[in-house]
C-alpha atoms as a PDB file:
ATOM      1  CA  MET A   1      -7.368   6.611  16.095  1.00  0.00           C
ATOM      2  CA  SER A   2      -6.364   3.808  18.465  1.00  0.00           C
ATOM      3  CA  LYS A   3      -2.811   2.467  18.405  1.00  0.00           C
ATOM      4  CA  PRO A   4      -1.613   3.653  15.024  1.00  0.00           C
ATOM      5  CA  ILE A   5       1.976   2.720  15.900  1.00  0.00           C
ATOM      6  CA  ILE A   6       3.137  -0.714  14.781  1.00  0.00           C
ATOM      7  CA  VAL A   7       6.550  -1.688  16.155  1.00  0.00           C
ATOM      8  CA  ALA A   8       8.568  -4.014  13.929  1.00  0.00           C
ATOM      9  CA  VAL A   9      10.351  -6.644  16.038  1.00  0.00           C
ATOM     10  CA  ASP A  10      12.967  -8.362  13.863  1.00  0.00           C
ATOM     11  CA  GLU A  11      14.882 -10.795  16.075  1.00  0.00           C
ATOM     12  CA  THR A  12      16.086 -14.302  15.258  1.00  0.00           C
ATOM     13  CA  GLN A  13      16.635 -15.537  18.825  1.00  0.00           C
ATOM     14  CA  PRO A  14      13.594 -16.285  21.064  1.00  0.00           C
ATOM     15  CA  SER A  15      15.267 -14.683  24.093  1.00  0.00           C
ATOM     16  CA  SER A  16      15.982 -11.338  22.364  1.00  0.00           C
ATOM     17  CA  PHE A  17      12.580 -11.380  20.673  1.00  0.00           C
ATOM     18  CA  LYS A  18      10.801 -11.821  23.978  1.00  0.00           C
ATOM     19  CA  GLN A  19      12.988  -9.215  25.679  1.00  0.00           C
ATOM     20  CA  THR A  20      12.061  -6.644  23.020  1.00  0.00           C
ATOM     21  CA  VAL A  21       8.348  -7.500  23.232  1.00  0.00           C
ATOM     22  CA  ASP A  22       8.485  -7.245  27.021  1.00  0.00           C
ATOM     23  CA  SER A  23       9.876  -3.696  26.705  1.00  0.00           C
ATOM     24  CA  LEU A  24       6.878  -2.533  24.682  1.00  0.00           C
ATOM     25  CA  ASP A  25       3.420  -1.438  25.860  1.00  0.00           C
ATOM     26  CA  SER A  26       0.294  -2.990  24.312  1.00  0.00           C
ATOM     27  CA  ASN A  27      -1.623   0.163  25.169  1.00  0.00           C
ATOM     28  CA  LEU A  28       0.608   2.201  22.880  1.00  0.00           C
ATOM     29  CA  CYS A  29       1.340  -0.040  19.903  1.00  0.00           C
ATOM     30  CA  MET A  30       0.721  -3.138  17.855  1.00  0.00           C
ATOM     31  CA  ILE A  31       3.584  -5.468  16.895  1.00  0.00           C
ATOM     32  CA  LYS A  32       4.750  -6.435  13.431  1.00  0.00           C
ATOM     33  CA  VAL A  33       6.142  -9.925  13.052  1.00  0.00           C
ATOM     34  CA  GLY A  34       7.870 -10.209   9.697  1.00  0.00           C
ATOM     35  CA  SER A  35       9.756 -12.933   7.882  1.00  0.00           C
ATOM     36  CA  VAL A  36      12.900 -12.392   9.975  1.00  0.00           C
ATOM     37  CA  SER A  37      11.311 -13.501  13.244  1.00  0.00           C
ATOM     38  CA  PHE A  38       8.637 -15.753  11.751  1.00  0.00           C
ATOM     39  CA  ASN A  39      11.166 -17.802   9.793  1.00  0.00           C
ATOM     40  CA  ALA A  40      13.527 -18.087  12.755  1.00  0.00           C
ATOM     41  CA  ILE A  41      11.111 -18.563  15.637  1.00  0.00           C
ATOM     42  CA  GLY A  42       7.876 -19.656  13.952  1.00  0.00           C
ATOM     43  CA  HIS A  43       4.438 -19.716  15.503  1.00  0.00           C
ATOM     44  CA  GLU A  44       5.965 -19.256  18.962  1.00  0.00           C
ATOM     45  CA  ALA A  45       6.687 -15.632  18.096  1.00  0.00           C
ATOM     46  CA  LEU A  46       3.004 -14.948  17.431  1.00  0.00           C
ATOM     47  CA  THR A  47       1.659 -16.812  20.455  1.00  0.00           C
ATOM     48  CA  TYR A  48       4.098 -14.998  22.719  1.00  0.00           C
ATOM     49  CA  VAL A  49       3.150 -11.557  21.370  1.00  0.00           C
ATOM     50  CA  ALA A  50      -0.547 -12.417  21.708  1.00  0.00           C
ATOM     51  CA  SER A  51      -0.023 -13.621  25.279  1.00  0.00           C
ATOM     52  CA  LYS A  52       1.258 -10.140  26.146  1.00  0.00           C
ATOM     53  CA  GLY A  53      -1.935  -8.528  24.873  1.00  0.00           C
ATOM     54  CA  PHE A  54      -0.674  -7.089  21.578  1.00  0.00           C
ATOM     55  CA  GLU A  55      -2.545  -6.980  18.292  1.00  0.00           C
ATOM     56  CA  ILE A  56      -0.398  -8.575  15.584  1.00  0.00           C
ATOM     57  CA  PHE A  57       0.471  -7.540  12.050  1.00  0.00           C
ATOM     58  CA  LEU A  58       1.967 -10.558  10.226  1.00  0.00           C
ATOM     59  CA  ASP A  59       4.114  -9.152   7.446  1.00  0.00           C
ATOM     60  CA  LEU A  60       5.115 -12.032   5.165  1.00  0.00           C
ATOM     61  CA  LYS A  61       4.433 -10.224   1.852  1.00  0.00           C
ATOM     62  CA  LEU A  62       3.099 -13.319   0.144  1.00  0.00           C
ATOM     63  CA  HIS A  63       3.614 -13.365  -3.629  1.00  0.00           C
ATOM     64  CA  ASP A  64       2.791 -16.472  -5.663  1.00  0.00           C
ATOM     65  CA  ILE A  65       0.108 -17.915  -7.902  1.00  0.00           C
ATOM     66  CA  PRO A  66      -3.427 -17.366  -6.549  1.00  0.00           C
ATOM     67  CA  ASN A  67      -4.039 -20.897  -5.341  1.00  0.00           C
ATOM     68  CA  THR A  68      -0.738 -21.067  -3.482  1.00  0.00           C
ATOM     69  CA  VAL A  69      -1.339 -17.748  -1.750  1.00  0.00           C
ATOM     70  CA  LYS A  70      -4.863 -18.812  -0.809  1.00  0.00           C
ATOM     71  CA  LYS A  71      -3.661 -22.090   0.724  1.00  0.00           C
ATOM     72  CA  SER A  72      -0.785 -20.364   2.495  1.00  0.00           C
ATOM     73  CA  ILE A  73      -3.174 -17.920   4.138  1.00  0.00           C
ATOM     74  CA  GLU A  74      -5.620 -20.661   5.051  1.00  0.00           C
ATOM     75  CA  GLY A  75      -2.735 -22.262   6.932  1.00  0.00           C
ATOM     76  CA  LEU A  76      -2.213 -19.061   8.917  1.00  0.00           C
ATOM     77  CA  ILE A  77      -5.720 -17.882   9.822  1.00  0.00           C
ATOM     78  CA  SER A  78      -5.890 -19.954  13.012  1.00  0.00           C
ATOM     79  CA  LEU A  79      -2.991 -17.885  14.417  1.00  0.00           C
ATOM     80  CA  PRO A  80      -3.662 -14.786  16.548  1.00  0.00           C
ATOM     81  CA  ILE A  81      -3.198 -12.199  13.785  1.00  0.00           C
ATOM     82  CA  GLY A  82      -5.256  -9.144  12.859  1.00  0.00           C
ATOM     83  CA  MET A  83      -3.573  -8.041   9.650  1.00  0.00           C
ATOM     84  CA  MET A  84      -1.272  -9.625   7.050  1.00  0.00           C
ATOM     85  CA  THR A  85       0.394  -8.689   3.778  1.00  0.00           C
ATOM     86  CA  ILE A  86       0.603  -9.822   0.179  1.00  0.00           C
ATOM     87  CA  HIS A  87       2.275  -8.150  -2.810  1.00  0.00           C
ATOM     88  CA  THR A  88      -0.134  -6.246  -5.032  1.00  0.00           C
ATOM     89  CA  SER A  89       2.134  -7.001  -7.982  1.00  0.00           C
ATOM     90  CA  GLY A  90       0.954 -10.608  -7.703  1.00  0.00           C
ATOM     91  CA  GLY A  91      -2.055  -9.383  -9.617  1.00  0.00           C
ATOM     92  CA  LEU A  92      -5.811  -9.023  -9.344  1.00  0.00           C
ATOM     93  CA  GLU A  93      -6.670 -12.724  -9.066  1.00  0.00           C
ATOM     94  CA  MET A  94      -4.040 -13.333  -6.439  1.00  0.00           C
ATOM     95  CA  MET A  95      -5.384 -10.513  -4.298  1.00  0.00           C
ATOM     96  CA  LYS A  96      -8.936 -11.814  -4.669  1.00  0.00           C
ATOM     97  CA  ALA A  97      -7.743 -15.280  -3.633  1.00  0.00           C
ATOM     98  CA  ALA A  98      -6.085 -13.799  -0.542  1.00  0.00           C
ATOM     99  CA  LYS A  99      -9.252 -11.955   0.404  1.00  0.00           C
ATOM    100  CA  LYS A 100     -11.317 -15.106  -0.078  1.00  0.00           C
ATOM    101  CA  ALA A 101      -8.936 -17.045   2.196  1.00  0.00           C
ATOM    102  CA  VAL A 102      -9.785 -14.839   5.193  1.00  0.00           C
ATOM    103  CA  GLU A 103     -13.563 -14.953   4.739  1.00  0.00           C
ATOM    104  CA  GLY A 104     -15.251 -15.589   8.069  1.00  0.00           C
ATOM    105  CA  THR A 105     -12.348 -14.110  10.047  1.00  0.00           C
ATOM    106  CA  ASN A 106     -11.458 -10.606  11.240  1.00  0.00           C
ATOM    107  CA  ILE A 107      -8.067 -10.669   9.482  1.00  0.00           C
ATOM    108  CA  LYS A 108      -7.423  -7.737   7.147  1.00  0.00           C
ATOM    109  CA  ILE A 109      -5.422  -8.145   3.940  1.00  0.00           C
ATOM    110  CA  PHE A 110      -2.984  -5.385   3.002  1.00  0.00           C
ATOM    111  CA  GLY A 111      -1.172  -5.224  -0.318  1.00  0.00           C
ATOM    112  CA  VAL A 112       2.408  -3.984  -0.599  1.00  0.00           C
ATOM    113  CA  THR A 113       2.525  -1.435  -3.432  1.00  0.00           C
ATOM    114  CA  ALA A 114       6.267  -0.661  -3.729  1.00  0.00           C
ATOM    115  CA  LEU A 115       8.912  -1.369  -1.132  1.00  0.00           C
ATOM    116  CA  THR A 116      10.039   1.784   0.651  1.00  0.00           C
ATOM    117  CA  SER A 117      13.653   0.825  -0.033  1.00  0.00           C
ATOM    118  CA  LEU A 118      13.066   1.420  -3.764  1.00  0.00           C
ATOM    119  CA  SER A 119      14.041   4.733  -5.325  1.00  0.00           C
ATOM    120  CA  ASP A 120      12.643   6.080  -8.588  1.00  0.00           C
ATOM    121  CA  ASP A 121      15.708   4.678 -10.339  1.00  0.00           C
ATOM    122  CA  ASP A 122      14.888   1.237  -8.927  1.00  0.00           C
ATOM    123  CA  THR A 123      11.208   1.315  -9.895  1.00  0.00           C
ATOM    124  CA  SER A 124      12.073   2.629 -13.351  1.00  0.00           C
ATOM    125  CA  ALA A 125      14.400  -0.324 -13.861  1.00  0.00           C
ATOM    126  CA  ILE A 126      11.956  -2.886 -12.459  1.00  0.00           C
ATOM    127  CA  PHE A 127       8.513  -1.557 -13.418  1.00  0.00           C
ATOM    128  CA  GLN A 128       9.427   1.038 -16.098  1.00  0.00           C
ATOM    129  CA  ARG A 129       7.740   3.800 -14.085  1.00  0.00           C
ATOM    130  CA  THR A 130       8.366   6.027 -11.058  1.00  0.00           C
ATOM    131  CA  ALA A 131       7.568   4.856  -7.534  1.00  0.00           C
ATOM    132  CA  PHE A 132       4.589   7.242  -7.483  1.00  0.00           C
ATOM    133  CA  ASN A 133       3.159   5.828 -10.688  1.00  0.00           C
ATOM    134  CA  GLN A 134       3.797   2.244  -9.582  1.00  0.00           C
ATOM    135  CA  VAL A 135       1.929   2.871  -6.346  1.00  0.00           C
ATOM    136  CA  LYS A 136      -0.934   4.529  -8.235  1.00  0.00           C
ATOM    137  CA  ALA A 137      -1.307   1.540 -10.546  1.00  0.00           C
ATOM    138  CA  MET A 138      -1.212  -0.939  -7.645  1.00  0.00           C
ATOM    139  CA  LEU A 139      -3.797   1.096  -5.716  1.00  0.00           C
ATOM    140  CA  ASP A 140      -6.229   0.783  -8.600  1.00  0.00           C
ATOM    141  CA  LEU A 141      -5.733  -2.988  -8.596  1.00  0.00           C
ATOM    142  CA  ALA A 142      -6.085  -3.214  -4.822  1.00  0.00           C
ATOM    143  CA  GLN A 143      -9.342  -1.311  -4.923  1.00  0.00           C
ATOM    144  CA  GLU A 144     -10.696  -3.544  -7.670  1.00  0.00           C
ATOM    145  CA  ALA A 145      -9.729  -6.642  -5.693  1.00  0.00           C
ATOM    146  CA  GLN A 146     -11.492  -5.182  -2.633  1.00  0.00           C
ATOM    147  CA  ILE A 147      -8.676  -5.939  -0.196  1.00  0.00           C
ATOM    148  CA  ASP A 148      -8.665  -3.946   3.042  1.00  0.00           C
ATOM    149  CA  GLY A 149      -5.705  -1.721   2.520  1.00  0.00           C
ATOM    150  CA  VAL A 150      -2.250  -1.131   1.184  1.00  0.00           C
ATOM    151  CA  VAL A 151       1.305  -0.642   2.378  1.00  0.00           C
ATOM    152  CA  CYS A 152       2.959   2.417   0.862  1.00  0.00           C
ATOM    153  CA  SER A 153       5.603   4.988   1.696  1.00  0.00           C
ATOM    154  CA  PRO A 154       4.429   8.193   3.365  1.00  0.00           C
ATOM    155  CA  HIS A 155       5.130  10.054   0.143  1.00  0.00           C
ATOM    156  CA  GLU A 156       2.279   8.242  -1.647  1.00  0.00           C
ATOM    157  CA  LEU A 157      -0.303   8.678   1.121  1.00  0.00           C
ATOM    158  CA  ASP A 158      -2.203  11.326  -0.826  1.00  0.00           C
ATOM    159  CA  LEU A 159      -3.056   8.689  -3.407  1.00  0.00           C
ATOM    160  CA  VAL A 160      -4.442   6.343  -0.770  1.00  0.00           C
ATOM    161  CA  VAL A 161      -6.440   9.033   0.974  1.00  0.00           C
ATOM    162  CA  ALA A 162      -7.991   9.940  -2.379  1.00  0.00           C
ATOM    163  CA  GLN A 163      -9.120   6.319  -2.854  1.00  0.00           C
ATOM    164  CA  LYS A 164     -11.121   6.481   0.413  1.00  0.00           C
ATOM    165  CA  SER A 165     -11.918   2.743   0.446  1.00  0.00           C
ATOM    166  CA  LEU A 166      -8.401   1.591   1.450  1.00  0.00           C
ATOM    167  CA  LEU A 167      -6.650   1.652   4.799  1.00  0.00           C
ATOM    168  CA  SER A 168      -2.926   2.484   4.836  1.00  0.00           C
ATOM    169  CA  ILE A 169       0.097   1.032   6.585  1.00  0.00           C
ATOM    170  CA  THR A 170       3.133   3.253   6.190  1.00  0.00           C
ATOM    171  CA  PRO A 171       6.682   2.023   6.753  1.00  0.00           C
ATOM    172  CA  GLY A 172       9.777   4.153   6.185  1.00  0.00           C
ATOM    173  CA  ILE A 173       9.165   6.101   9.381  1.00  0.00           C
ATOM    174  CA  ARG A 174      12.228   7.874  10.803  1.00  0.00           C
ATOM    175  CA  LEU A 175      12.656  10.455  13.533  1.00  0.00           C
ATOM    176  CA  SER A 176      15.142  12.440  11.462  1.00  0.00           C
ATOM    177  CA  GLU A 177      17.195  12.226   8.267  1.00  0.00           C
ATOM    178  CA  SER A 178      18.737   8.763   8.004  1.00  0.00           C
ATOM    179  CA  SER A 179      21.341   7.031   5.872  1.00  0.00           C
ATOM    180  CA  ASP A 180      19.993   3.465   6.148  1.00  0.00           C
ATOM    181  CA  ASP A 181      18.278   1.265   3.545  1.00  0.00           C
ATOM    182  CA  GLN A 182      15.020   3.197   3.385  1.00  0.00           C
ATOM    183  CA  SER A 183      14.676   5.691   0.505  1.00  0.00           C
ATOM    184  CA  ARG A 184      11.215   7.244   0.972  1.00  0.00           C
ATOM    185  CA  VAL A 185      10.853   8.263   4.633  1.00  0.00           C
ATOM    186  CA  MET A 186       8.938  10.697   6.888  1.00  0.00           C
ATOM    187  CA  THR A 187       8.536  11.474  10.600  1.00  0.00           C
ATOM    188  CA  PRO A 188       5.705   9.768  12.576  1.00  0.00           C
ATOM    189  CA  LYS A 189       3.728  12.968  13.144  1.00  0.00           C
ATOM    190  CA  ASP A 190       3.954  14.029   9.506  1.00  0.00           C
ATOM    191  CA  ALA A 191       2.865  10.596   8.272  1.00  0.00           C
ATOM    192  CA  ILE A 192      -0.178  10.567  10.558  1.00  0.00           C
ATOM    193  CA  SER A 193      -0.981  14.143   9.529  1.00  0.00           C
ATOM    194  CA  LYS A 194      -0.932  13.084   5.863  1.00  0.00           C
ATOM    195  CA  GLY A 195      -3.551  10.407   6.589  1.00  0.00           C
ATOM    196  CA  ALA A 196      -1.679   7.202   7.490  1.00  0.00           C
ATOM    197  CA  ASP A 197      -3.898   4.805   9.429  1.00  0.00           C
ATOM    198  CA  TYR A 198      -0.895   2.885  10.774  1.00  0.00           C
ATOM    199  CA  ILE A 199       2.826   3.625  10.821  1.00  0.00           C
ATOM    200  CA  VAL A 200       5.530   0.952  11.101  1.00  0.00           C
ATOM    201  CA  ILE A 201       8.566   1.856  13.173  1.00  0.00           C
ATOM    202  CA  GLY A 202      11.390  -0.583  13.807  1.00  0.00           C
ATOM    203  CA  ARG A 203      14.953   0.409  14.506  1.00  0.00           C
ATOM    204  CA  PRO A 204      14.287   3.906  15.960  1.00  0.00           C
ATOM    205  CA  ILE A 205      12.475   2.060  18.780  1.00  0.00           C
ATOM    206  CA  THR A 206      13.998  -1.400  18.959  1.00  0.00           C
ATOM    207  CA  ASN A 207      17.593  -0.155  18.691  1.00  0.00           C
ATOM    208  CA  ALA A 208      17.095   2.640  21.243  1.00  0.00           C
ATOM    209  CA  PRO A 209      18.978   2.491  24.561  1.00  0.00           C
ATOM    210  CA  ASN A 210      15.588   2.451  26.307  1.00  0.00           C
ATOM    211  CA  ILE A 211      12.894   0.849  24.129  1.00  0.00           C
ATOM    212  CA  SER A 212      10.026   1.767  26.441  1.00  0.00           C
ATOM    213  CA  GLU A 213      11.008   5.417  26.572  1.00  0.00           C
ATOM    214  CA  ALA A 214      11.544   5.585  22.800  1.00  0.00           C
ATOM    215  CA  LEU A 215       8.039   4.243  22.165  1.00  0.00           C
ATOM    216  CA  GLN A 216       6.515   6.684  24.639  1.00  0.00           C
ATOM    217  CA  GLU A 217       8.355   9.631  23.086  1.00  0.00           C
ATOM    218  CA  ILE A 218       7.200   8.732  19.587  1.00  0.00           C
ATOM    219  CA  HIS A 219       3.646   8.280  20.815  1.00  0.00           C
ATOM    220  CA  ASN A 220       3.776  11.686  22.477  1.00  0.00           C
ATOM    221  CA  SER A 221       5.300  13.325  19.378  1.00  0.00           C
ATOM    222  CA  ILE A 222       2.340  12.217  17.242  1.00  0.00           C
ATOM    223  CA  TRP A 223      -0.305  13.702  19.469  1.00  0.00           C
ATOM    224  CA  GLN A 224       1.403  16.871  20.680  1.00  0.00           C
ATOM    225  CA  THR A 225       0.083  20.095  19.217  1.00  0.00           C
END
């Protein structure tokens, strides 16, 4: 697998955004630009990342009526992105509209199943089912809509692997036990071993004293025997 690591760069100032990007290696990772940086810096964030040779995952988690999502994506497809996200809970027709919007491009559409910050208590309150069952239901919809893949926690990877037709992006990656805002987490090596196609890592790399070394260490940890 080539470059399964996606580094989340969440900066609101162009100078700090560029400094973080400059500390990363396009031979070792892709870069995720989410709403934090995209809303603050705009298209400049994507063009800068692309100019440094990185593949880009645009993580805006679009969630609206089908026509609005389709038009939103059509306004983004000229940008240098390889993958982008919608919410699977937007429904079957919304996902189909998103997929139709990228026809004729190489952009892959991934559907967010359940945010990795949500615990079973959260999903029971919101969806009236456990996180596992919510992800399972959303996977069935994603497969029917024929989008390219899904975003799920590492703890639901077995469900995605069983589907076979869907790629997986897995956030909630931590090097050790953490006390931050992620509830369903796993180490990089374990997530890849369980079948993740891509893993998203943010703070363990971008908040490290030496970003370049942190990325290299995580890359090495995945492939060591």
